Amino acid sequence: MLASCALLAGATGLFSACTPQQAAFASVDITGAEYAQRFELTDHNGQVRHLSDFAGKVVVMFFGYTQCPDVCPTSMTELAEVKRALGKDGDRLQGLFVTVDPQRDTPELLKAYMANFDPTFLALYATPEKLIELAKEYKIYFKRVDGKSPTSYTMDHSAGSYVYDTKGHLRLFTRYGMGAKSLTEDVRILLKQGA
């Protein structure tokens, strides 16, 4: 009995040595999640986009709006820092900004907004009805908060980003405030896995 236990323990050690190490992400690993799998949205150039358009790239998708005073510009600035930090691999990162305020965020405004961060980043939009469906599919929250005038409202919204690997699989959720350095390392891991 003792010998068989030793043999079993040895075999277990052998198998664990052969099992690939799980990547240690700073972001929340949501690999295998069954939501946020696909989209059909129009970009700021008028082109209809799907997740499959970005095959071979790590995609970071953030929901926000152009008149956001803090969370949105901070998140997009950090994503631009990630792209720069990746060096030549920066071309394999695609930033996507989905507006939760299609009433004010026109294609022209979205294009100008993206230019503030990185010219390769794309802003995406949908009709208000389609945006509600998308929010359910992506498990994100947004709500209009009225201001002093009809046009001075703000938008409460979820503040994290979804990260897809180079094959278009949902892998990570990054929390707001995680920082560019941690996200850069996570993107490097995904790029290495997809190489």
Protein backbone atom coordinates (compact mmCIF):
# COMPACT_ATOMS: atom_id res chain seq x y z
CA MET A 1 0.00 0.00 0.00
CA LEU A 2 2.81 2.38 0.93
CA ALA A 3 4.60 1.71 -2.37
CA SER A 4 1.44 2.40 -4.38
CA CYS A 5 0.94 5.72 -2.53
CA ALA A 6 4.52 6.68 -3.30
CA LEU A 7 4.01 5.71 -6.92
CA LEU A 8 0.81 7.75 -7.08
CA ALA A 9 2.52 10.75 -5.51
CA GLY A 10 5.38 10.44 -7.98
CA ALA A 11 2.97 10.20 -10.92
CA THR A 12 1.06 13.25 -9.70
CA GLY A 13 4.29 15.23 -9.54
CA LEU A 14 5.21 14.05 -13.03
CA PHE A 15 1.86 15.14 -14.47
CA SER A 16 1.96 18.51 -12.75
CA ALA A 17 5.45 19.08 -14.15
CA CYS A 18 4.04 18.50 -17.64
CA THR A 19 1.07 20.81 -17.20
CA PRO A 20 1.71 24.31 -18.58
CA GLN A 21 1.84 27.05 -15.97
CA GLN A 22 -1.26 29.22 -15.78
CA ALA A 23 -0.45 32.80 -16.81
CA ALA A 24 -0.46 35.23 -13.90
CA PHE A 25 -2.50 38.21 -15.08
CA ALA A 26 -2.89 41.46 -13.15
CA SER A 27 -6.36 41.83 -14.70
CA VAL A 28 -9.30 39.60 -13.82
CA ASP A 29 -9.02 36.40 -15.86
CA ILE A 30 -12.46 35.70 -17.38
CA THR A 31 -11.30 33.13 -19.93
CA GLY A 32 -14.24 30.97 -20.92
CA ALA A 33 -16.91 33.58 -20.15
CA GLU A 34 -19.97 33.15 -22.34
CA TYR A 35 -20.85 36.83 -22.73
CA ALA A 36 -19.27 39.74 -24.65
CA GLN A 37 -18.48 37.41 -27.53
CA ARG A 38 -19.36 39.49 -30.60
CA PHE A 39 -20.50 42.86 -31.81
CA GLU A 40 -21.56 44.70 -34.93
CA LEU A 41 -20.91 48.41 -34.52
CA THR A 42 -20.05 51.31 -36.82
CA ASP A 43 -16.68 53.00 -36.42
CA HIS A 44 -16.03 56.73 -36.61
CA ASN A 45 -15.13 56.35 -40.30
CA GLY A 46 -18.54 54.86 -41.11
CA GLN A 47 -17.29 51.28 -41.50
CA VAL A 48 -19.24 48.42 -39.89
CA ARG A 49 -16.93 46.53 -37.55
CA HIS A 50 -16.89 43.06 -35.98
CA LEU A 51 -14.49 41.53 -33.49
CA SER A 52 -13.18 39.26 -36.25
CA ASP A 53 -11.84 42.35 -38.10
CA PHE A 54 -9.01 42.49 -35.55
CA ALA A 55 -7.75 38.90 -35.79
CA GLY A 56 -4.07 38.68 -34.86
CA LYS A 57 -4.32 41.62 -32.46
CA VAL A 58 -5.05 41.93 -28.77
CA VAL A 59 -8.19 44.06 -28.50
CA VAL A 60 -8.95 46.29 -25.52
CA MET A 61 -12.57 47.49 -25.54
CA PHE A 62 -13.74 50.33 -23.30
CA PHE A 63 -17.23 51.83 -22.94
CA GLY A 64 -17.45 55.57 -22.30
CA TYR A 65 -18.35 58.96 -23.77
CA THR A 66 -16.39 61.93 -25.10
CA GLN A 67 -17.60 64.48 -22.54
CA CYS A 68 -16.55 62.30 -19.61
CA PRO A 69 -14.40 64.47 -17.31
CA ASP A 70 -12.08 61.86 -15.84
CA VAL A 71 -12.50 58.07 -16.20
CA CYS A 72 -12.68 57.95 -20.01
CA PRO A 73 -9.72 60.19 -20.88
CA THR A 74 -7.63 58.53 -18.16
CA SER A 75 -8.43 55.05 -19.48
CA MET A 76 -7.69 55.97 -23.08
CA THR A 77 -4.47 57.76 -22.12
CA GLU A 78 -3.32 54.65 -20.26
CA LEU A 79 -4.16 52.49 -23.28
CA ALA A 80 -2.06 54.78 -25.48
CA GLU A 81 0.79 54.38 -22.95
CA VAL A 82 0.43 50.60 -23.20
CA LYS A 83 0.73 50.77 -26.98
CA ARG A 84 3.90 52.90 -26.73
CA ALA A 85 5.40 50.62 -24.07
CA LEU A 86 4.94 47.60 -26.34
CA GLY A 87 7.35 49.10 -28.88
CA LYS A 88 7.17 47.31 -32.22
CA ASP A 89 4.48 45.01 -30.81
CA GLY A 90 2.25 48.06 -30.33
CA ASP A 91 0.92 47.48 -33.86
CA ARG A 92 -0.65 44.27 -32.52
CA LEU A 93 -2.83 46.16 -30.02
CA GLN A 94 -6.22 47.54 -31.06
CA GLY A 95 -7.95 50.06 -28.83
CA LEU A 96 -11.74 50.29 -29.18
CA PHE A 97 -13.89 52.97 -27.53
CA VAL A 98 -17.65 52.31 -27.56
CA THR A 99 -19.74 55.37 -26.83
CA VAL A 100 -22.61 55.11 -24.37
CA ASP A 101 -23.76 58.58 -25.49
CA PRO A 102 -24.65 58.23 -29.20
CA GLN A 103 -26.95 61.24 -28.94
CA ARG A 104 -24.01 63.66 -28.59
CA ASP A 105 -21.08 61.58 -29.81
CA THR A 106 -21.22 62.08 -33.56
CA PRO A 107 -18.76 60.25 -35.83
CA GLU A 108 -16.81 63.50 -36.33
CA LEU A 109 -16.54 64.10 -32.60
CA LEU A 110 -15.54 60.48 -31.95
CA LYS A 111 -12.82 60.64 -34.62
CA ALA A 112 -11.38 63.85 -33.13
CA TYR A 113 -11.55 62.31 -29.65
CA MET A 114 -9.58 59.22 -30.71
CA ALA A 115 -6.93 61.42 -32.34
CA ASN A 116 -6.16 62.79 -28.87
CA PHE A 117 -4.93 59.36 -27.80
CA ASP A 118 -3.80 57.30 -30.79
CA PRO A 119 -4.80 57.59 -34.45
CA THR A 120 -5.15 53.80 -34.77
CA PHE A 121 -7.73 53.55 -31.98
CA LEU A 122 -11.30 53.31 -33.19
CA ALA A 123 -14.46 54.73 -31.66
CA LEU A 124 -17.60 52.68 -32.23
CA TYR A 125 -21.26 53.58 -31.95
CA ALA A 126 -24.73 52.07 -32.24
CA THR A 127 -28.29 53.29 -32.26
CA PRO A 128 -29.71 53.83 -28.76
CA GLU A 129 -31.84 50.68 -29.11
CA LYS A 130 -28.91 48.54 -30.24
CA LEU A 131 -26.75 50.02 -27.48
CA ILE A 132 -29.20 48.73 -24.85
CA GLU A 133 -28.93 45.21 -26.33
CA LEU A 134 -25.13 45.48 -26.44
CA ALA A 135 -25.00 46.61 -22.80
CA LYS A 136 -26.93 43.49 -21.78
CA GLU A 137 -24.64 41.23 -23.82
CA TYR A 138 -21.53 42.89 -22.38
CA LYS A 139 -22.89 43.20 -18.83
CA ILE A 140 -22.09 46.90 -18.68
CA TYR A 141 -24.05 49.66 -17.00
CA PHE A 142 -24.82 53.15 -18.27
CA LYS A 143 -27.40 55.74 -17.30
CA ARG A 144 -28.02 59.34 -18.25
CA VAL A 145 -27.82 61.80 -15.35
CA ASP A 146 -29.62 65.07 -16.11
CA GLY A 147 -27.78 68.36 -15.70
CA LYS A 148 -28.89 72.00 -15.48
CA SER A 149 -29.77 72.09 -19.17
CA PRO A 150 -30.95 69.44 -21.66
CA THR A 151 -27.46 69.16 -23.19
CA SER A 152 -25.39 69.32 -19.98
CA TYR A 153 -26.18 65.81 -18.79
CA THR A 154 -23.52 63.30 -17.79
CA MET A 155 -23.41 59.52 -18.12
CA ASP A 156 -22.82 57.10 -15.29
CA HIS A 157 -21.17 54.02 -16.76
CA SER A 158 -19.06 50.94 -16.10
CA ALA A 159 -15.39 51.83 -15.99
CA GLY A 160 -13.49 48.66 -16.90
CA SER A 161 -12.25 47.26 -20.19
CA TYR A 162 -12.59 43.89 -21.89
CA VAL A 163 -9.44 42.34 -23.34
CA TYR A 164 -9.52 39.81 -26.18
CA ASP A 165 -6.63 37.63 -27.28
CA THR A 166 -5.27 37.46 -30.84
CA LYS A 167 -7.86 34.80 -31.75
CA GLY A 168 -10.77 37.00 -30.63
CA HIS A 169 -11.46 35.11 -27.39
CA LEU A 170 -12.52 37.11 -24.34
CA ARG A 171 -9.74 36.70 -21.77
CA LEU A 172 -9.56 39.56 -19.27
CA PHE A 173 -11.45 42.33 -17.55
CA THR A 174 -9.35 45.29 -16.44
CA ARG A 175 -10.55 47.48 -13.63
CA TYR A 176 -10.32 51.25 -13.82
CA GLY A 177 -7.16 52.53 -12.16
CA MET A 178 -5.14 49.35 -12.69
CA GLY A 179 -2.45 51.36 -14.45
CA ALA A 180 -0.68 51.13 -17.78
CA LYS A 181 2.25 49.04 -16.49
CA SER A 182 0.07 46.12 -15.33
CA LEU A 183 -2.03 46.17 -18.50
CA THR A 184 1.13 46.25 -20.64
CA GLU A 185 2.36 43.06 -18.99
CA ASP A 186 -1.01 41.37 -19.49
CA VAL A 187 -1.05 42.32 -23.17
CA ARG A 188 2.52 41.01 -23.57
CA ILE A 189 1.43 37.64 -22.15
CA LEU A 190 -1.50 37.46 -24.58
CA LEU A 191 0.69 38.44 -27.54
CA LYS A 192 3.23 35.78 -26.59
CA GLN A 193 0.48 33.15 -26.29
CA GLY A 194 -0.80 34.13 -29.74
CA ALA A 195 2.58 34.27 -31.46
